[in-house]
């Protein structure tokens, strides 16, 4: 039985054609977008800090280990054959991520969060019957046991901007609704700690030439790091936003109905494809979403650029789910330990 994740449903709702390329053909760009690389490195470094802290290191030493991992990640990227323009950005990115990472950890501290994978029956909210095609599945990046059968979900988003509309829509967030519902299905309740962290936009000062005084050679790495650290310290509200969320029963009921409809729409599109409709009919494009997230990764395919297929590779389905267990949840769901 196929595992239906939040990401799959989101991608289908945003653009059917994107879903087709991503989840029917299983295509992924050979070179990941800059923003996705940043987010991955930031999350990996947070995990390194947590592991160091749980191993007995001080907060300061845990942060140093996390910053070292940041440097290692960027060093590996330097050797990975990225375009020349991207290579020039990596040193600056490493400094930015390292400094905002330290500020994040000093601001929030290090908690005992765990990654939790889940899967559970996909139930029709009207009939109460389980789907014969799908089970619901996903991975919660950070869950903390607060008390018996109650958890705090910590969700980190590493973003270019923190806008009011991003905050206003959080009570409707599909991803967090899914996580809370997954816990409810196992007899738990949950709250959400949703954190936006802004990727710094300031850059090193460039070289300058002067006629009446010595030329300025440009800002060095140490000078830039010091200036960035000072800016983050002076404007924490610019770089960080934290929202506490509780999802009501009415909202979750509404969410489950929409989730079921999306699942049925996916099956209908696949059925049309099998019956010979062709992917262009079964999975139409939605160009109104192409601009989001820095530009859709499948624009070269949709615009039919020559040799566009060579930009992609085939990857496994649901690569984020690596530790699925027979009982459908990890051991933390069964514990009552506080």
Protein backbone atom coordinates (compact mmCIF):
# COMPACT_ATOMS: atom_id res chain seq x y z
CA UNK A 1 0.00 0.00 0.00
CA UNK A 2 1.37 3.42 -0.95
CA UNK A 3 2.37 5.92 1.72
CA UNK A 4 0.66 9.26 1.10
CA UNK A 5 2.60 12.12 2.69
CA UNK A 6 1.70 15.73 3.27
CA UNK A 7 4.29 16.69 0.65
CA UNK A 8 2.58 14.59 -2.01
CA UNK A 9 -0.82 16.10 -1.30
CA UNK A 10 0.59 19.63 -1.17
CA UNK A 11 2.37 19.15 -4.48
CA UNK A 12 -0.78 17.81 -6.14
CA UNK A 13 -2.88 20.70 -4.88
CA UNK A 14 -0.29 23.29 -5.95
CA UNK A 15 0.25 21.86 -9.43
CA UNK A 16 -0.89 18.53 -10.86
CA UNK A 17 1.97 18.55 -13.39
CA UNK A 18 4.53 19.06 -10.64
CA UNK A 19 3.05 16.05 -8.86
CA UNK A 20 3.36 14.00 -12.05
CA UNK A 21 7.05 14.76 -12.53
CA UNK A 22 7.86 14.41 -8.82
CA UNK A 23 5.77 11.44 -7.73
CA UNK A 24 4.87 9.52 -10.89
CA UNK A 25 8.16 9.90 -12.75
CA UNK A 26 10.13 10.34 -9.48
CA UNK A 27 12.35 13.07 -10.94
CA UNK A 28 14.61 15.31 -8.88
CA UNK A 29 17.01 18.04 -10.08
CA UNK A 30 20.64 16.96 -10.20
CA UNK A 31 21.58 20.35 -8.72
CA UNK A 32 19.43 21.50 -5.80
CA UNK A 33 18.31 25.09 -5.47
CA UNK A 34 20.33 27.34 -3.18
CA UNK A 35 17.50 27.86 -0.69
CA UNK A 36 16.94 24.12 -0.28
CA UNK A 37 20.65 23.55 0.32
CA UNK A 38 20.67 26.23 2.99
CA UNK A 39 17.69 24.75 4.80
CA UNK A 40 19.19 21.27 4.74
CA UNK A 41 22.51 22.48 6.15
CA UNK A 42 20.79 24.55 8.85
CA UNK A 43 18.70 21.56 9.97
CA UNK A 44 21.67 19.18 9.95
CA UNK A 45 23.70 21.60 12.06
CA UNK A 46 20.91 21.91 14.63
CA UNK A 47 20.99 18.13 14.94
CA UNK A 48 24.77 18.16 15.46
CA UNK A 49 24.38 20.72 18.26
CA UNK A 50 21.73 18.59 19.95
CA UNK A 51 23.84 15.44 19.74
CA UNK A 52 26.87 17.23 21.16
CA UNK A 53 24.84 18.68 24.02
CA UNK A 54 23.30 15.33 24.88
CA UNK A 55 26.82 13.89 24.83
CA UNK A 56 27.79 16.19 27.69
CA UNK A 57 29.15 19.22 25.86
CA UNK A 58 28.40 22.75 27.04
CA UNK A 59 26.09 24.98 25.02
CA UNK A 60 29.07 26.92 23.70
CA UNK A 61 31.00 23.82 22.63
CA UNK A 62 27.85 22.32 21.07
CA UNK A 63 27.47 25.47 18.99
CA UNK A 64 31.11 25.28 17.89
CA UNK A 65 30.59 21.70 16.73
CA UNK A 66 27.49 22.73 14.81
CA UNK A 67 29.39 25.58 13.15
CA UNK A 68 32.18 23.16 12.23
CA UNK A 69 29.61 20.94 10.51
CA UNK A 70 28.38 23.98 8.59
CA UNK A 71 31.92 24.62 7.33
CA UNK A 72 32.31 20.94 6.39
CA UNK A 73 29.05 20.94 4.45
CA UNK A 74 30.07 23.97 2.43
CA UNK A 75 33.53 22.53 1.81
CA UNK A 76 31.90 19.41 0.34
CA UNK A 77 29.75 21.60 -1.90
CA UNK A 78 32.88 23.36 -3.14
CA UNK A 79 34.08 20.00 -4.46
CA UNK A 80 30.76 18.93 -5.98
CA UNK A 81 31.01 20.61 -9.39
CA UNK A 82 28.44 23.35 -8.86
CA UNK A 83 28.30 26.26 -11.33
CA UNK A 84 31.00 28.94 -10.90
CA UNK A 85 28.46 31.56 -9.80
CA UNK A 86 27.20 29.26 -7.07
CA UNK A 87 30.73 28.48 -5.90
CA UNK A 88 31.35 32.19 -5.33
CA UNK A 89 28.34 32.36 -3.00
CA UNK A 90 29.29 29.41 -0.81
CA UNK A 91 31.85 31.12 1.43
CA UNK A 92 29.40 33.91 2.22
CA UNK A 93 26.58 31.42 2.81
CA UNK A 94 28.76 29.48 5.25
CA UNK A 95 29.35 32.62 7.34
CA UNK A 96 25.68 33.58 7.28
CA UNK A 97 24.41 30.15 8.31
CA UNK A 98 27.10 29.79 10.98
CA UNK A 99 26.22 33.12 12.63
CA UNK A 100 22.43 32.75 12.47
CA UNK A 101 22.78 29.18 13.74
CA UNK A 102 24.69 30.34 16.84
CA UNK A 103 22.15 33.11 17.46
CA UNK A 104 19.28 30.61 17.13
CA UNK A 105 20.82 28.23 19.67
CA UNK A 106 21.60 30.99 22.15
CA UNK A 107 18.03 32.28 21.75
CA UNK A 108 16.11 29.02 22.09
CA UNK A 109 18.63 26.75 23.79
CA UNK A 110 18.95 23.05 22.96
CA UNK A 111 16.03 20.75 23.68
CA UNK A 112 15.53 16.98 23.60
CA UNK A 113 13.58 16.87 20.36
CA UNK A 114 13.45 13.73 18.27
CA UNK A 115 12.64 12.97 14.65
CA UNK A 116 9.51 10.83 14.57
CA UNK A 117 8.30 8.87 11.55
CA UNK A 118 4.66 7.82 11.43
CA UNK A 119 2.13 6.04 9.29
CA UNK A 120 -1.51 5.28 10.04
CA UNK A 121 -4.73 4.40 8.19
CA UNK A 122 -6.18 6.95 5.78
CA UNK A 123 -9.79 7.04 6.96
CA UNK A 124 -12.77 8.45 5.10
CA UNK A 125 -14.15 11.01 7.60
CA UNK A 126 -17.72 10.33 6.47
CA UNK A 127 -17.86 6.52 6.33
CA UNK A 128 -15.07 5.70 8.77
CA UNK A 129 -13.61 3.20 6.29
CA UNK A 130 -9.90 3.04 5.54
CA UNK A 131 -8.51 3.65 2.07
CA UNK A 132 -7.43 0.55 0.15
CA UNK A 133 -4.91 2.60 -1.86
CA UNK A 134 -3.12 4.77 0.72
CA UNK A 135 -1.83 4.96 4.26
CA UNK A 136 -0.93 8.36 5.68
CA UNK A 137 2.75 8.81 6.51
CA UNK A 138 5.35 11.43 7.29
CA UNK A 139 8.18 12.54 9.51
CA UNK A 140 7.99 15.06 12.35
CA UNK A 141 11.37 16.80 12.45
CA UNK A 142 11.14 17.73 16.10
CA UNK A 143 8.91 16.36 18.87
CA UNK A 144 9.38 16.84 22.61
CA UNK A 145 7.46 14.83 25.22
CA UNK A 146 6.04 17.48 27.56
CA UNK A 147 3.98 15.23 29.81
CA UNK A 148 2.17 11.93 29.61
CA UNK A 149 0.62 11.54 26.15
CA UNK A 150 1.21 15.20 25.26
CA UNK A 151 3.90 16.49 22.90
CA UNK A 152 5.29 19.76 21.64
CA UNK A 153 6.05 19.75 17.92
CA UNK A 154 8.93 22.05 17.01
CA UNK A 155 8.88 23.15 13.38
CA UNK A 156 11.76 25.19 11.98
CA UNK A 157 11.52 27.13 8.74
CA UNK A 158 14.67 28.76 7.34
CA UNK A 159 13.30 31.54 5.14
CA UNK A 160 14.28 34.55 3.06
CA UNK A 161 11.55 36.74 4.55
CA UNK A 162 9.23 36.74 7.55
CA UNK A 163 5.96 38.27 6.41
CA UNK A 164 2.73 38.89 8.28
CA UNK A 165 0.79 36.72 5.84
CA UNK A 166 3.08 33.79 6.67
CA UNK A 167 2.17 34.16 10.33
CA UNK A 168 -1.55 34.81 9.77
CA UNK A 169 -1.99 31.55 7.83
CA UNK A 170 -0.35 29.30 10.42
CA UNK A 171 -3.66 28.29 12.13
CA UNK A 172 -4.54 26.66 8.76
CA UNK A 173 -1.16 25.04 8.13
CA UNK A 174 -1.65 21.63 6.47
CA UNK A 175 1.69 20.20 7.55
CA UNK A 176 1.17 20.96 11.24
CA UNK A 177 -2.44 19.80 11.01
CA UNK A 178 -1.16 16.48 9.68
CA UNK A 179 1.36 16.09 12.50
CA UNK A 180 -1.18 16.87 15.21
CA UNK A 181 -3.68 14.48 13.62
CA UNK A 182 -1.03 11.74 13.47
CA UNK A 183 -0.45 12.09 17.20
CA UNK A 184 -4.18 12.15 17.92
CA UNK A 185 -4.53 8.87 16.02
CA UNK A 186 -2.17 7.32 18.61
CA UNK A 187 -3.97 8.76 21.63
CA UNK A 188 -1.72 11.80 22.09
CA UNK A 189 -2.44 15.52 22.12
CA UNK A 190 -0.05 18.13 20.80
CA UNK A 191 0.86 21.79 20.63
CA UNK A 192 3.10 23.38 18.01
CA UNK A 193 6.10 25.67 18.41
CA UNK A 194 6.54 27.15 14.93
CA UNK A 195 9.79 29.05 14.36
CA UNK A 196 10.77 31.19 11.38
CA UNK A 197 14.47 31.99 11.10
CA UNK A 198 15.47 34.53 8.47
CA UNK A 199 18.49 33.87 6.30
CA UNK A 200 20.63 37.05 6.54
CA UNK A 201 20.36 39.29 3.49
CA UNK A 202 23.36 41.52 4.14
CA UNK A 203 26.56 40.73 2.25
CA UNK A 204 30.27 41.54 2.58
CA UNK A 205 31.15 45.07 1.55
CA UNK A 206 32.72 45.06 -1.93
CA UNK A 207 36.09 46.58 -2.88
CA UNK A 208 36.12 50.29 -3.75
CA UNK A 209 38.55 52.52 -5.61
CA UNK A 210 39.17 56.10 -4.54
CA UNK A 211 41.01 58.96 -6.19
CA UNK A 212 42.10 60.83 -3.06
CA UNK A 213 42.74 58.00 -0.59
CA UNK A 214 43.77 54.39 -0.45
CA UNK A 215 41.51 51.89 -2.14
CA UNK A 216 39.27 49.71 0.03
CA UNK A 217 40.10 46.02 -0.55
CA UNK A 218 36.68 44.74 0.48
CA UNK A 219 35.38 43.28 3.72
CA UNK A 220 37.18 40.15 4.90
CA UNK A 221 35.47 37.06 6.29
CA UNK A 222 36.19 37.90 9.94
CA UNK A 223 35.02 41.51 9.56
CA UNK A 224 31.84 40.40 7.83
CA UNK A 225 31.09 37.76 10.48
CA UNK A 226 31.57 40.36 13.25
CA UNK A 227 29.27 42.86 11.52
CA UNK A 228 26.62 40.21 10.88
CA UNK A 229 26.77 38.96 14.47
CA UNK A 230 26.28 42.51 15.72
CA UNK A 231 23.32 43.08 13.39
CA UNK A 232 21.59 39.88 14.53
CA UNK A 233 22.16 40.86 18.17
CA UNK A 234 20.69 44.33 17.62
CA UNK A 235 17.65 43.15 15.61
CA UNK A 236 16.57 39.74 16.91
CA UNK A 237 12.92 40.43 16.04
CA UNK A 238 13.97 40.87 12.40
CA UNK A 239 15.66 37.49 12.24
CA UNK A 240 13.43 35.36 14.47
CA UNK A 241 9.71 34.75 14.85
CA UNK A 242 8.09 32.17 17.12
CA UNK A 243 4.40 31.24 17.12
CA UNK A 244 2.56 28.89 19.51
CA UNK A 245 -0.27 26.98 17.84
CA UNK A 246 -3.17 24.86 19.05
CA UNK A 247 -5.42 23.24 16.42
CA UNK A 248 -9.11 23.01 17.28
CA UNK A 249 -11.34 19.99 16.74
CA UNK A 250 -13.40 21.92 14.17
CA UNK A 251 -10.31 22.78 12.19
CA UNK A 252 -9.02 19.20 12.19
CA UNK A 253 -12.41 17.88 11.06
CA UNK A 254 -12.34 20.36 8.18
CA UNK A 255 -8.75 19.39 7.38
CA UNK A 256 -9.55 15.65 7.27
CA UNK A 257 -12.38 16.21 4.78
CA UNK A 258 -10.10 18.20 2.47
CA UNK A 259 -7.33 15.62 2.82
CA UNK A 260 -9.67 12.80 1.80
CA UNK A 261 -10.86 14.78 -1.24
CA UNK A 262 -7.28 15.38 -2.34
CA UNK A 263 -6.52 11.67 -2.04
CA UNK A 264 -9.52 10.86 -4.24
CA UNK A 265 -8.46 13.50 -6.78
CA UNK A 266 -4.99 11.91 -6.99
CA UNK A 267 -6.52 8.48 -7.62
CA UNK A 268 -8.83 9.95 -10.27
CA UNK A 269 -5.92 11.57 -12.13
CA UNK A 270 -3.93 8.33 -12.02
CA UNK A 271 -6.93 6.40 -13.30
CA UNK A 272 -7.29 8.81 -16.22
CA UNK A 273 -3.59 8.33 -17.02
CA UNK A 274 -3.94 4.54 -17.02
CA UNK A 275 -6.93 4.78 -19.34
CA UNK A 276 -4.89 6.61 -21.93
CA UNK A 277 -5.73 10.25 -21.25
CA UNK A 278 -2.06 11.23 -21.42
CA UNK A 279 -0.18 13.06 -18.69
CA UNK A 280 -1.01 16.48 -20.13
CA UNK A 281 -4.73 15.81 -19.71
CA UNK A 282 -4.54 13.81 -16.49
CA UNK A 283 -2.08 16.17 -14.76
CA UNK A 284 -2.58 19.71 -16.12
CA UNK A 285 -0.14 22.53 -15.41
CA UNK A 286 -0.85 25.35 -12.95
CA UNK A 287 1.47 28.18 -14.12
CA UNK A 288 0.18 30.51 -11.38
CA UNK A 289 2.41 28.64 -8.90
CA UNK A 290 5.60 28.54 -11.01
CA UNK A 291 7.16 31.53 -9.27
CA UNK A 292 6.87 30.18 -5.71
CA UNK A 293 9.82 28.95 -3.64
CA UNK A 294 12.33 30.63 -5.92
CA UNK A 295 10.83 29.14 -9.07
CA UNK A 296 9.52 25.64 -9.79
CA UNK A 297 12.23 23.05 -10.34
CA UNK A 298 10.36 21.61 -13.32
CA UNK A 299 10.08 24.78 -15.43
CA UNK A 300 12.65 23.43 -17.95
CA UNK A 301 10.40 20.41 -18.56
CA UNK A 302 7.17 22.38 -18.83
CA UNK A 303 8.73 24.93 -21.21
CA UNK A 304 10.17 22.01 -23.19
CA UNK A 305 13.76 23.17 -23.20
CA UNK A 306 16.07 21.00 -25.34
CA UNK A 307 17.76 18.26 -23.33
CA UNK A 308 15.79 19.28 -20.22
CA UNK A 309 15.55 15.65 -19.09
CA UNK A 310 19.30 15.60 -18.56
CA UNK A 311 18.86 18.09 -15.69
CA UNK A 312 17.10 15.44 -13.58
CA UNK A 313 17.68 12.04 -12.05
CA UNK A 314 15.26 9.36 -10.87
CA UNK A 315 15.06 9.02 -7.08
CA UNK A 316 13.19 6.62 -4.72
CA UNK A 317 9.66 7.41 -3.60
CA UNK A 318 9.35 9.10 -0.19
CA UNK A 319 13.13 9.43 0.40
CA UNK A 320 12.44 11.29 3.66
CA UNK A 321 10.96 8.13 5.22
CA UNK A 322 13.90 5.92 6.10
CA UNK A 323 12.92 4.08 9.26
CA UNK A 324 9.41 2.78 8.73
CA UNK A 325 8.42 0.15 11.26
CA UNK A 326 5.84 -2.58 11.22
CA UNK A 327 3.76 -0.95 13.92
CA UNK A 328 3.66 2.29 11.97
CA UNK A 329 5.16 4.61 14.59
CA UNK A 330 8.41 4.91 16.47
CA UNK A 331 8.74 3.93 20.09
CA UNK A 332 8.29 7.46 21.41
CA UNK A 333 4.57 7.30 20.60
CA UNK A 334 4.07 4.35 22.91
CA UNK A 335 5.95 5.72 25.89
CA UNK A 336 4.35 7.60 28.76
CA UNK A 337 7.67 8.86 30.05
CA UNK A 338 7.76 12.59 30.75
